[in-house]
Amino acid sequence: MNNAIVALGANLGDTEATITAAVEALEKADGIDAVKVSRFYTTSPVESSGPDYLNAVATVRTRLSPDELLLLCQRIENAYGRVRPAGVINAPRTLDLDVIDYEGIR
């Protein structure tokens, strides 16, 4: 069993509902055994425009490899309308899931 940390954020649409649904999707995914989520908090966009972000962090117990966990996070993002405009850095987004730690590999 492996431990990972996933950062969650959104600043478009119903951000609280989207992040809550993303956590539920993580919890239900094959290869995920436990998810614990921080409280939600708000931050201003950095080097970007758009509304404030709603953020949280989740610790995840998983049997997935780092690459498999990343692919799962990207599938969840896509399911909630994540768009990555070409040439745009830090674009506003419906959902952002980042694997920020996996067993100490950052």
N, C-alpha and C. Protein backbone atom coordinates (compact mmCIF):
# COMPACT_ATOMS: atom_id res chain seq x y z
N MET A 1 0.85 -1.18 0.00
CA MET A 1 0.00 0.00 0.00
C MET A 1 0.89 1.24 0.00
N ASN A 2 0.51 2.23 -0.79
CA ASN A 2 1.29 3.46 -0.93
C ASN A 2 0.49 4.66 -0.47
N ASN A 3 1.20 5.67 -0.01
CA ASN A 3 0.59 6.93 0.42
C ASN A 3 0.89 8.00 -0.60
N ALA A 4 -0.13 8.79 -0.93
CA ALA A 4 0.03 9.89 -1.86
C ALA A 4 -0.75 11.09 -1.34
N ILE A 5 -0.37 12.25 -1.83
CA ILE A 5 -1.09 13.49 -1.52
C ILE A 5 -1.55 14.10 -2.83
N VAL A 6 -2.84 14.43 -2.89
CA VAL A 6 -3.43 15.02 -4.08
C VAL A 6 -4.00 16.38 -3.71
N ALA A 7 -3.56 17.42 -4.43
CA ALA A 7 -4.12 18.76 -4.25
C ALA A 7 -5.31 18.89 -5.19
N LEU A 8 -6.39 19.49 -4.68
CA LEU A 8 -7.61 19.68 -5.47
C LEU A 8 -7.93 21.16 -5.52
N GLY A 9 -8.33 21.65 -6.67
CA GLY A 9 -8.69 23.05 -6.79
C GLY A 9 -9.65 23.27 -7.94
N ALA A 10 -10.39 24.37 -7.87
CA ALA A 10 -11.31 24.74 -8.94
C ALA A 10 -11.67 26.21 -8.76
N ASN A 11 -11.91 26.90 -9.90
CA ASN A 11 -12.38 28.28 -9.79
C ASN A 11 -13.45 28.63 -10.82
N LEU A 12 -14.02 27.62 -11.45
CA LEU A 12 -15.12 27.85 -12.39
C LEU A 12 -16.29 26.95 -12.01
N GLY A 13 -17.50 27.46 -12.14
CA GLY A 13 -18.68 26.66 -11.85
C GLY A 13 -18.92 26.52 -10.36
N ASP A 14 -19.63 25.47 -9.99
CA ASP A 14 -19.93 25.19 -8.58
C ASP A 14 -18.73 24.47 -7.99
N THR A 15 -17.75 25.23 -7.54
CA THR A 15 -16.46 24.67 -7.14
C THR A 15 -16.58 23.70 -5.98
N GLU A 16 -17.40 24.01 -4.99
CA GLU A 16 -17.54 23.11 -3.85
C GLU A 16 -18.14 21.77 -4.27
N ALA A 17 -19.18 21.81 -5.07
CA ALA A 17 -19.80 20.57 -5.53
C ALA A 17 -18.84 19.76 -6.40
N THR A 18 -18.08 20.44 -7.24
CA THR A 18 -17.14 19.74 -8.12
C THR A 18 -16.02 19.08 -7.32
N ILE A 19 -15.45 19.79 -6.37
CA ILE A 19 -14.38 19.19 -5.57
C ILE A 19 -14.92 18.04 -4.72
N THR A 20 -16.10 18.21 -4.17
CA THR A 20 -16.72 17.13 -3.39
C THR A 20 -16.94 15.90 -4.27
N ALA A 21 -17.42 16.10 -5.48
CA ALA A 21 -17.64 14.99 -6.41
C ALA A 21 -16.32 14.34 -6.81
N ALA A 22 -15.27 15.13 -6.98
CA ALA A 22 -13.96 14.58 -7.32
C ALA A 22 -13.43 13.70 -6.20
N VAL A 23 -13.63 14.12 -4.96
CA VAL A 23 -13.21 13.32 -3.81
C VAL A 23 -13.98 12.00 -3.81
N GLU A 24 -15.28 12.07 -4.06
CA GLU A 24 -16.10 10.85 -4.11
C GLU A 24 -15.63 9.93 -5.23
N ALA A 25 -15.23 10.50 -6.37
CA ALA A 25 -14.72 9.69 -7.48
C ALA A 25 -13.41 9.01 -7.09
N LEU A 26 -12.55 9.71 -6.39
CA LEU A 26 -11.32 9.10 -5.89
C LEU A 26 -11.64 7.94 -4.95
N GLU A 27 -12.56 8.19 -4.03
CA GLU A 27 -12.92 7.17 -3.03
C GLU A 27 -13.46 5.89 -3.68
N LYS A 28 -14.18 6.03 -4.79
CA LYS A 28 -14.82 4.89 -5.45
C LYS A 28 -13.91 4.19 -6.46
N ALA A 29 -12.79 4.80 -6.80
CA ALA A 29 -11.93 4.26 -7.85
C ALA A 29 -11.24 2.96 -7.43
N ASP A 30 -11.11 2.05 -8.37
CA ASP A 30 -10.35 0.83 -8.13
C ASP A 30 -8.90 1.21 -7.81
N GLY A 31 -8.34 0.55 -6.82
CA GLY A 31 -6.96 0.81 -6.44
C GLY A 31 -6.79 1.87 -5.37
N ILE A 32 -7.89 2.53 -4.99
CA ILE A 32 -7.86 3.52 -3.92
C ILE A 32 -8.52 2.89 -2.70
N ASP A 33 -7.80 2.87 -1.58
CA ASP A 33 -8.32 2.22 -0.38
C ASP A 33 -8.79 3.19 0.68
N ALA A 34 -8.28 4.40 0.71
CA ALA A 34 -8.70 5.37 1.71
C ALA A 34 -8.37 6.78 1.23
N VAL A 35 -9.27 7.70 1.54
CA VAL A 35 -9.06 9.11 1.20
C VAL A 35 -9.46 9.93 2.41
N LYS A 36 -8.58 10.83 2.83
CA LYS A 36 -8.90 11.80 3.88
C LYS A 36 -8.69 13.18 3.30
N VAL A 37 -9.64 14.07 3.55
CA VAL A 37 -9.62 15.38 2.91
C VAL A 37 -9.53 16.49 3.95
N SER A 38 -8.73 17.50 3.64
CA SER A 38 -8.62 18.68 4.48
C SER A 38 -9.90 19.51 4.38
N ARG A 39 -9.95 20.56 5.16
CA ARG A 39 -11.04 21.52 4.99
C ARG A 39 -10.82 22.23 3.66
N PHE A 40 -11.84 22.88 3.15
CA PHE A 40 -11.73 23.68 1.94
C PHE A 40 -11.25 25.07 2.32
N TYR A 41 -10.47 25.67 1.42
CA TYR A 41 -10.01 27.04 1.66
C TYR A 41 -9.95 27.77 0.33
N THR A 42 -9.98 29.09 0.39
CA THR A 42 -10.03 29.94 -0.79
C THR A 42 -8.71 30.66 -0.97
N THR A 43 -8.24 30.72 -2.24
CA THR A 43 -7.03 31.47 -2.57
C THR A 43 -7.27 32.29 -3.83
N SER A 44 -6.51 33.35 -3.96
CA SER A 44 -6.56 34.18 -5.17
C SER A 44 -5.72 33.53 -6.26
N PRO A 45 -6.10 33.73 -7.53
CA PRO A 45 -5.28 33.21 -8.63
C PRO A 45 -3.89 33.84 -8.62
N VAL A 46 -2.90 33.05 -8.97
CA VAL A 46 -1.52 33.53 -9.06
C VAL A 46 -1.12 33.52 -10.53
N GLU A 47 -0.61 34.64 -11.01
CA GLU A 47 -0.20 34.78 -12.40
C GLU A 47 -1.32 34.35 -13.35
N SER A 48 -2.54 34.71 -13.01
CA SER A 48 -3.71 34.36 -13.79
C SER A 48 -4.84 35.31 -13.47
N SER A 49 -5.91 35.19 -14.22
CA SER A 49 -7.10 35.97 -13.94
C SER A 49 -8.22 35.01 -13.59
N GLY A 50 -9.36 35.56 -13.27
CA GLY A 50 -10.50 34.72 -12.96
C GLY A 50 -10.86 34.78 -11.50
N PRO A 51 -11.92 34.06 -11.13
CA PRO A 51 -12.37 34.08 -9.74
C PRO A 51 -11.39 33.38 -8.81
N ASP A 52 -11.59 33.56 -7.51
CA ASP A 52 -10.77 32.87 -6.52
C ASP A 52 -10.93 31.36 -6.66
N TYR A 53 -9.91 30.65 -6.22
CA TYR A 53 -9.94 29.18 -6.23
C TYR A 53 -10.47 28.66 -4.91
N LEU A 54 -11.19 27.56 -4.97
CA LEU A 54 -11.50 26.77 -3.80
C LEU A 54 -10.53 25.59 -3.84
N ASN A 55 -9.87 25.30 -2.72
CA ASN A 55 -8.83 24.29 -2.67
C ASN A 55 -9.02 23.34 -1.51
N ALA A 56 -8.40 22.18 -1.63
CA ALA A 56 -8.33 21.19 -0.56
C ALA A 56 -7.14 20.29 -0.86
N VAL A 57 -6.77 19.49 0.11
CA VAL A 57 -5.72 18.50 -0.07
C VAL A 57 -6.24 17.17 0.45
N ALA A 58 -5.93 16.09 -0.26
CA ALA A 58 -6.36 14.77 0.16
C ALA A 58 -5.16 13.85 0.32
N THR A 59 -5.17 13.08 1.40
CA THR A 59 -4.20 11.98 1.51
C THR A 59 -4.90 10.74 0.98
N VAL A 60 -4.15 9.95 0.24
CA VAL A 60 -4.72 8.80 -0.45
C VAL A 60 -3.87 7.57 -0.16
N ARG A 61 -4.53 6.47 0.24
CA ARG A 61 -3.87 5.16 0.35
C ARG A 61 -4.24 4.41 -0.92
N THR A 62 -3.22 3.95 -1.66
CA THR A 62 -3.49 3.41 -2.98
C THR A 62 -2.60 2.22 -3.32
N ARG A 63 -3.14 1.38 -4.18
CA ARG A 63 -2.37 0.29 -4.77
C ARG A 63 -1.92 0.67 -6.18
N LEU A 64 -2.29 1.87 -6.64
CA LEU A 64 -1.92 2.33 -7.96
C LEU A 64 -0.47 2.81 -7.98
N SER A 65 0.17 2.70 -9.13
CA SER A 65 1.50 3.27 -9.31
C SER A 65 1.35 4.79 -9.44
N PRO A 66 2.44 5.54 -9.36
CA PRO A 66 2.32 7.00 -9.54
C PRO A 66 1.68 7.37 -10.89
N ASP A 67 2.09 6.69 -11.96
CA ASP A 67 1.53 7.00 -13.27
C ASP A 67 0.04 6.66 -13.34
N GLU A 68 -0.35 5.54 -12.74
CA GLU A 68 -1.76 5.16 -12.74
C GLU A 68 -2.60 6.15 -11.94
N LEU A 69 -2.06 6.63 -10.82
CA LEU A 69 -2.77 7.63 -10.02
C LEU A 69 -2.92 8.93 -10.80
N LEU A 70 -1.87 9.35 -11.48
CA LEU A 70 -1.94 10.55 -12.30
C LEU A 70 -3.01 10.41 -13.38
N LEU A 71 -3.03 9.26 -14.05
CA LEU A 71 -4.04 9.05 -15.09
C LEU A 71 -5.46 9.06 -14.52
N LEU A 72 -5.63 8.47 -13.34
CA LEU A 72 -6.94 8.52 -12.67
C LEU A 72 -7.33 9.97 -12.41
N CYS A 73 -6.43 10.76 -11.88
CA CYS A 73 -6.72 12.18 -11.60
C CYS A 73 -7.10 12.92 -12.88
N GLN A 74 -6.40 12.64 -13.97
CA GLN A 74 -6.72 13.31 -15.24
C GLN A 74 -8.07 12.87 -15.78
N ARG A 75 -8.43 11.60 -15.60
CA ARG A 75 -9.77 11.15 -16.03
C ARG A 75 -10.86 11.85 -15.23
N ILE A 76 -10.63 12.01 -13.92
CA ILE A 76 -11.61 12.71 -13.09
C ILE A 76 -11.72 14.17 -13.53
N GLU A 77 -10.58 14.83 -13.75
CA GLU A 77 -10.60 16.22 -14.23
C GLU A 77 -11.43 16.33 -15.52
N ASN A 78 -11.16 15.44 -16.46
CA ASN A 78 -11.85 15.48 -17.75
C ASN A 78 -13.35 15.25 -17.59
N ALA A 79 -13.72 14.38 -16.67
CA ALA A 79 -15.14 14.10 -16.43
C ALA A 79 -15.88 15.34 -15.91
N TYR A 80 -15.15 16.26 -15.30
CA TYR A 80 -15.76 17.48 -14.76
C TYR A 80 -15.41 18.71 -15.61
N GLY A 81 -15.11 18.48 -16.89
CA GLY A 81 -14.99 19.58 -17.84
C GLY A 81 -13.66 20.30 -17.87
N ARG A 82 -12.60 19.70 -17.39
CA ARG A 82 -11.29 20.35 -17.42
C ARG A 82 -10.86 20.58 -18.85
N VAL A 83 -10.46 21.80 -19.15
CA VAL A 83 -9.96 22.18 -20.46
C VAL A 83 -8.56 22.74 -20.28
N ARG A 84 -7.65 22.33 -21.14
CA ARG A 84 -6.27 22.83 -21.10
C ARG A 84 -5.99 23.61 -22.40
N PRO A 85 -6.31 24.91 -22.42
CA PRO A 85 -6.11 25.68 -23.65
C PRO A 85 -4.62 25.72 -24.05
N ALA A 86 -4.35 25.47 -25.31
CA ALA A 86 -2.97 25.48 -25.81
C ALA A 86 -2.34 26.85 -25.58
N GLY A 87 -1.15 26.84 -25.05
CA GLY A 87 -0.39 28.07 -24.86
C GLY A 87 -0.81 28.93 -23.69
N VAL A 88 -1.77 28.48 -22.90
CA VAL A 88 -2.25 29.26 -21.76
C VAL A 88 -1.78 28.58 -20.47
N ILE A 89 -1.04 29.33 -19.67
CA ILE A 89 -0.56 28.81 -18.40
C ILE A 89 -1.48 29.33 -17.30
N ASN A 90 -1.84 28.47 -16.36
CA ASN A 90 -2.68 28.85 -15.22
C ASN A 90 -4.05 29.37 -15.62
N ALA A 91 -4.64 28.74 -16.64
CA ALA A 91 -5.99 29.15 -17.07
C ALA A 91 -7.00 28.80 -15.98
N PRO A 92 -8.07 29.56 -15.85
CA PRO A 92 -9.15 29.18 -14.94
C PRO A 92 -9.61 27.76 -15.28
N ARG A 93 -10.09 27.03 -14.27
CA ARG A 93 -10.45 25.63 -14.51
C ARG A 93 -11.60 25.16 -13.64
N THR A 94 -12.34 24.20 -14.20
CA THR A 94 -13.43 23.59 -13.47
C THR A 94 -12.92 22.66 -12.38
N LEU A 95 -11.75 22.05 -12.61
CA LEU A 95 -11.18 21.12 -11.64
C LEU A 95 -9.71 20.91 -11.95
N ASP A 96 -8.91 20.87 -10.90
CA ASP A 96 -7.48 20.60 -11.02
C ASP A 96 -7.09 19.62 -9.92
N LEU A 97 -6.55 18.47 -10.30
CA LEU A 97 -6.05 17.48 -9.35
C LEU A 97 -4.57 17.29 -9.62
N ASP A 98 -3.74 17.56 -8.64
CA ASP A 98 -2.30 17.41 -8.78
C ASP A 98 -1.79 16.41 -7.76
N VAL A 99 -1.06 15.39 -8.23
CA VAL A 99 -0.38 14.47 -7.32
C VAL A 99 0.89 15.20 -6.88
N ILE A 100 0.90 15.66 -5.63
CA ILE A 100 2.04 16.46 -5.18
C ILE A 100 3.03 15.66 -4.35
N ASP A 101 2.65 14.43 -3.97
CA ASP A 101 3.59 13.55 -3.28
C ASP A 101 3.12 12.11 -3.46
N TYR A 102 4.08 11.23 -3.67
CA TYR A 102 3.80 9.79 -3.74
C TYR A 102 4.96 9.09 -3.05
N GLU A 103 4.72 8.64 -1.83
CA GLU A 103 5.76 7.94 -1.07
C GLU A 103 7.07 8.74 -1.01
N GLY A 104 6.95 10.06 -0.87
CA GLY A 104 8.14 10.89 -0.76
C GLY A 104 8.78 11.28 -2.07
N ILE A 105 8.24 10.79 -3.20
CA ILE A 105 8.74 11.18 -4.51
C ILE A 105 7.96 12.41 -4.93
N ARG A 106 8.60 13.54 -5.04
CA ARG A 106 7.87 14.78 -5.34
C ARG A 106 8.10 15.21 -6.77
